[in-house]
Amino acid sequence: MTFHEQLLASTAEERASLVATPIIQHTLRGEVTLAGYLAFLTEAYHHVRHTVPLLCACRSRLSQRLAWLQPELDQYIAEESGHDEWILEDIAACGGDAMAARHGTPRPATEIMVAYAYDTIARGNPLGFFGMVLVLEGTSVALALQAANRIQRALCLPDRAFSYLRSHGELDREHTAHFARLMDLIDEPADQRAIVHAARMFYRLYGDVFRSLPLPVARRPIEEAIA
């Protein structure tokens, strides 16, 4: 197997656990509330705004042996710039308070995931950051477009409320093929181990972000409600 194939196989259990997260399953069934969607967008803003700084930090920590990766990270930086602003625009289009999201603080699960990303780059192997790329972009491709359609249908929101999910989902399809080619160029076993380990951790941490979001309240049968 190529390293990318090994990476996917080695993280299949963690990926399945993330997809099985209750709020993701509720959303894919069209069971979603405006409060839940706004909470998702708010947490997305608080980690997406770190994407470019994390890419820059990763780039700065590359050894001379890995200098060939610098142009690849420059491309990621150019393509990821401004995505946090898309999210704020989506929040406003939903009737939410974009400025409150911008100046607020993330939920603990989001803060911990972002902190782990910085720590991986600064204290561990900076290539571990690609584990986060796998998790966020892979999840986006698998779920973002489908989730956007379900949420829009359930909440009757305008198209402009889904620029992040839809644009990110389409863009990440392109990124996924590029990511696979890039991973197959990583041939140092220590680097490979660092990426696999980080990916497993980020699946767990990103799952915690989703588990921190409010679930839709189950509707009780009419007979029970009036009893």
Protein backbone atom coordinates (compact mmCIF):
# COMPACT_ATOMS: atom_id res chain seq x y z
CA MET A 1 0.00 0.00 0.00
CA THR A 2 1.04 3.59 -0.50
CA PHE A 3 1.46 5.67 2.64
CA HIS A 4 -1.81 7.49 1.97
CA GLU A 5 -3.60 4.14 1.78
CA GLN A 6 -1.89 3.05 5.00
CA LEU A 7 -2.95 6.31 6.66
CA LEU A 8 -6.59 5.77 5.73
CA ALA A 9 -6.51 2.13 6.84
CA SER A 10 -4.80 2.97 10.12
CA THR A 11 -7.40 5.58 11.03
CA ALA A 12 -10.55 3.86 9.76
CA GLU A 13 -11.86 3.07 13.26
CA GLU A 14 -11.40 6.65 14.46
CA ARG A 15 -13.02 8.01 11.29
CA ALA A 16 -16.06 5.76 11.77
CA SER A 17 -16.35 6.92 15.39
CA LEU A 18 -16.42 10.55 14.28
CA VAL A 19 -19.11 9.94 11.66
CA ALA A 20 -21.19 8.08 14.25
CA THR A 21 -21.26 11.14 16.53
CA PRO A 22 -24.95 11.72 17.43
CA ILE A 23 -25.20 15.28 16.13
CA ILE A 24 -23.73 14.26 12.76
CA GLN A 25 -26.21 11.42 12.46
CA HIS A 26 -29.10 13.70 13.48
CA THR A 27 -28.02 16.23 10.85
CA LEU A 28 -27.77 13.65 8.09
CA ARG A 29 -31.36 12.66 8.91
CA GLY A 30 -32.45 16.29 8.64
CA GLU A 31 -32.96 16.61 12.39
CA VAL A 32 -31.36 19.98 13.03
CA THR A 33 -32.14 23.27 14.73
CA LEU A 34 -31.02 26.79 13.89
CA ALA A 35 -29.31 26.97 17.29
CA GLY A 36 -27.38 23.82 16.49
CA TYR A 37 -26.27 25.07 13.08
CA LEU A 38 -25.18 28.42 14.52
CA ALA A 39 -23.27 26.62 17.26
CA PHE A 40 -21.48 24.53 14.61
CA LEU A 41 -20.59 27.61 12.57
CA THR A 42 -19.31 29.42 15.65
CA GLU A 43 -16.99 26.56 16.61
CA ALA A 44 -15.92 26.21 12.98
CA TYR A 45 -14.93 29.87 12.99
CA HIS A 46 -12.86 29.41 16.13
CA HIS A 47 -10.76 26.64 14.62
CA VAL A 48 -10.73 27.71 10.95
CA ARG A 49 -9.31 31.11 11.88
CA HIS A 50 -6.20 29.23 13.05
CA THR A 51 -5.71 27.30 9.80
CA VAL A 52 -3.39 29.82 8.14
CA PRO A 53 -1.38 30.55 11.34
CA LEU A 54 -0.98 26.79 11.85
CA LEU A 55 0.18 26.32 8.26
CA CYS A 56 2.68 29.14 8.72
CA ALA A 57 3.91 27.62 11.98
CA CYS A 58 4.31 24.23 10.33
CA ARG A 59 6.23 25.79 7.44
CA SER A 60 8.59 27.61 9.81
CA ARG A 61 9.43 24.37 11.65
CA LEU A 62 10.38 22.33 8.59
CA SER A 63 13.95 21.06 8.57
CA GLN A 64 16.15 21.42 5.51
CA ARG A 65 15.35 17.80 4.71
CA LEU A 66 11.71 18.81 4.29
CA ALA A 67 12.26 22.13 2.52
CA TRP A 68 10.58 20.69 -0.59
CA LEU A 69 7.28 20.93 1.33
CA GLN A 70 7.46 24.72 1.66
CA PRO A 71 5.87 25.48 -1.75
CA GLU A 72 3.13 22.95 -0.98
CA LEU A 73 2.34 24.74 2.28
CA ASP A 74 2.45 28.10 0.51
CA GLN A 75 -0.27 26.81 -1.81
CA TYR A 76 -2.38 25.67 1.14
CA ILE A 77 -1.92 29.05 2.80
CA ALA A 78 -3.10 30.90 -0.31
CA GLU A 79 -6.13 28.67 -0.74
CA GLU A 80 -7.19 28.68 2.93
CA SER A 81 -6.95 32.43 3.48
CA GLY A 82 -10.28 34.11 4.25
CA HIS A 83 -12.31 30.99 4.98
CA ASP A 84 -12.99 32.20 8.51
CA GLU A 85 -14.72 35.26 7.03
CA TRP A 86 -16.98 32.98 4.98
CA ILE A 87 -18.19 31.48 8.23
CA LEU A 88 -19.00 34.85 9.77
CA GLU A 89 -20.99 35.73 6.64
CA ASP A 90 -22.92 32.48 6.98
CA ILE A 91 -23.70 33.27 10.62
CA ALA A 92 -25.06 36.67 9.62
CA ALA A 93 -27.12 35.12 6.80
CA CYS A 94 -28.74 32.83 9.39
CA GLY A 95 -29.70 35.82 11.52
CA GLY A 96 -26.94 35.14 14.03
CA ASP A 97 -24.55 37.61 15.63
CA ALA A 98 -21.34 37.39 13.60
CA MET A 99 -19.53 39.94 15.76
CA ALA A 100 -20.34 37.99 18.91
CA ALA A 101 -18.85 34.91 17.26
CA ARG A 102 -15.75 36.83 16.15
CA HIS A 103 -15.06 38.27 19.60
CA GLY A 104 -16.31 35.31 21.65
CA THR A 105 -14.41 32.32 22.97
CA PRO A 106 -14.62 28.76 21.69
CA ARG A 107 -16.05 25.84 23.61
CA PRO A 108 -13.38 23.90 25.54
CA ALA A 109 -13.30 21.05 23.02
CA THR A 110 -12.46 23.45 20.20
CA GLU A 111 -9.84 25.25 22.25
CA ILE A 112 -8.19 21.95 23.17
CA MET A 113 -8.11 20.76 19.54
CA VAL A 114 -6.48 23.99 18.37
CA ALA A 115 -4.00 23.91 21.26
CA TYR A 116 -3.05 20.33 20.40
CA ALA A 117 -2.38 21.38 16.81
CA TYR A 118 0.00 24.13 17.89
CA ASP A 119 1.66 21.80 20.38
CA THR A 120 2.14 19.09 17.77
CA ILE A 121 3.97 21.55 15.54
CA ALA A 122 6.04 23.19 18.28
CA ARG A 123 6.87 20.25 20.51
CA GLY A 124 6.53 17.20 18.29
CA ASN A 125 7.00 16.51 14.62
CA PRO A 126 5.56 19.42 12.59
CA LEU A 127 4.39 16.98 9.92
CA GLY A 128 1.86 15.76 12.47
CA PHE A 129 -0.18 18.78 11.39
CA PHE A 130 -1.06 16.83 8.25
CA GLY A 131 -3.08 14.56 10.52
CA MET A 132 -5.35 17.52 11.19
CA VAL A 133 -5.54 18.24 7.46
CA LEU A 134 -6.66 14.66 6.83
CA VAL A 135 -9.38 14.84 9.46
CA LEU A 136 -10.82 18.25 8.61
CA GLU A 137 -10.65 17.96 4.82
CA GLY A 138 -11.66 14.30 4.72
CA THR A 139 -14.68 14.97 6.92
CA SER A 140 -15.59 17.97 4.81
CA VAL A 141 -15.56 15.99 1.57
CA ALA A 142 -17.52 13.11 3.07
CA LEU A 143 -20.16 15.11 4.89
CA ALA A 144 -20.19 18.85 4.17
CA LEU A 145 -22.24 18.96 0.98
CA GLN A 146 -24.71 16.34 2.19
CA ALA A 147 -25.10 18.09 5.55
CA ALA A 148 -25.63 21.48 3.88
CA ASN A 149 -28.50 20.11 1.82
CA ARG A 150 -30.15 18.51 4.85
CA ILE A 151 -29.77 21.63 6.99
CA GLN A 152 -31.07 23.96 4.29
CA ARG A 153 -34.08 21.77 3.64
CA ALA A 154 -34.90 21.51 7.36
CA LEU A 155 -34.43 25.18 8.22
CA CYS A 156 -35.39 26.88 4.92
CA LEU A 157 -32.25 29.02 4.99
CA PRO A 158 -30.95 30.93 1.94
CA ASP A 159 -28.04 29.69 -0.17
CA ARG A 160 -25.82 32.44 1.22
CA ALA A 161 -25.97 30.74 4.65
CA PHE A 162 -23.92 27.80 3.32
CA SER A 163 -20.87 29.35 1.70
CA TYR A 164 -18.51 27.61 4.14
CA LEU A 165 -19.99 24.12 3.94
CA ARG A 166 -20.56 24.12 0.19
CA SER A 167 -17.45 25.97 -0.94
CA HIS A 168 -15.26 24.12 1.52
CA GLY A 169 -16.72 20.78 0.51
CA GLU A 170 -16.05 21.41 -3.18
CA LEU A 171 -12.58 22.84 -2.59
CA ASP A 172 -11.60 19.98 -0.31
CA ARG A 173 -12.42 17.47 -3.04
CA GLU A 174 -9.54 19.01 -4.98
CA HIS A 175 -7.40 19.15 -1.84
CA THR A 176 -8.00 15.46 -1.09
CA ALA A 177 -6.41 14.29 -4.35
CA HIS A 178 -3.50 16.68 -3.83
CA PHE A 179 -3.17 15.54 -0.21
CA ALA A 180 -2.96 11.89 -1.29
CA ARG A 181 -0.15 12.65 -3.73
CA LEU A 182 1.66 14.67 -1.07
CA MET A 183 1.40 11.94 1.57
CA ASP A 184 2.83 9.39 -0.85
CA LEU A 185 5.99 11.51 -1.02
CA ILE A 186 6.50 11.18 2.76
CA ASP A 187 8.89 8.24 3.03
CA GLU A 188 10.55 8.71 6.42
CA PRO A 189 9.00 6.19 8.89
CA ALA A 190 9.18 8.64 11.81
CA ASP A 191 7.26 11.25 9.80
CA GLN A 192 4.68 8.67 8.79
CA ARG A 193 4.19 7.56 12.38
CA ALA A 194 3.76 11.17 13.49
CA ILE A 195 1.04 11.80 10.89
CA VAL A 196 -0.85 8.61 11.75
CA HIS A 197 -0.70 9.34 15.48
CA ALA A 198 -1.86 12.93 15.01
CA ALA A 199 -4.69 11.88 12.69
CA ARG A 200 -6.00 9.44 15.30
CA MET A 201 -5.87 12.16 17.92
CA PHE A 202 -7.56 14.75 15.71
CA TYR A 203 -10.41 12.38 14.87
CA ARG A 204 -11.01 12.05 18.60
CA LEU A 205 -10.62 15.79 19.28
CA TYR A 206 -12.82 16.84 16.36
CA GLY A 207 -15.40 14.33 17.51
CA ASP A 208 -15.34 16.04 20.90
CA VAL A 209 -16.10 19.35 19.17
CA PHE A 210 -19.21 17.83 17.62
CA ARG A 211 -20.17 16.16 20.89
CA SER A 212 -20.06 19.58 22.57
CA LEU A 213 -22.76 20.97 20.28
CA PRO A 214 -26.43 21.04 21.34
CA LEU A 215 -28.50 18.12 20.11
CA PRO A 216 -31.99 18.74 18.72
CA VAL A 217 -34.67 18.14 21.35
CA ALA A 218 -36.61 14.98 20.61
CA ARG A 219 -40.26 15.59 19.88
CA ARG A 220 -42.58 13.78 22.26
CA PRO A 221 -45.71 12.07 20.95
CA ILE A 222 -48.78 14.37 21.07
CA GLU A 223 -50.54 12.06 23.51
CA GLU A 224 -47.61 12.28 25.94
CA ALA A 225 -47.26 16.04 25.55
CA ILE A 226 -50.89 16.71 26.54
CA ALA A 227 -51.10 14.08 29.28
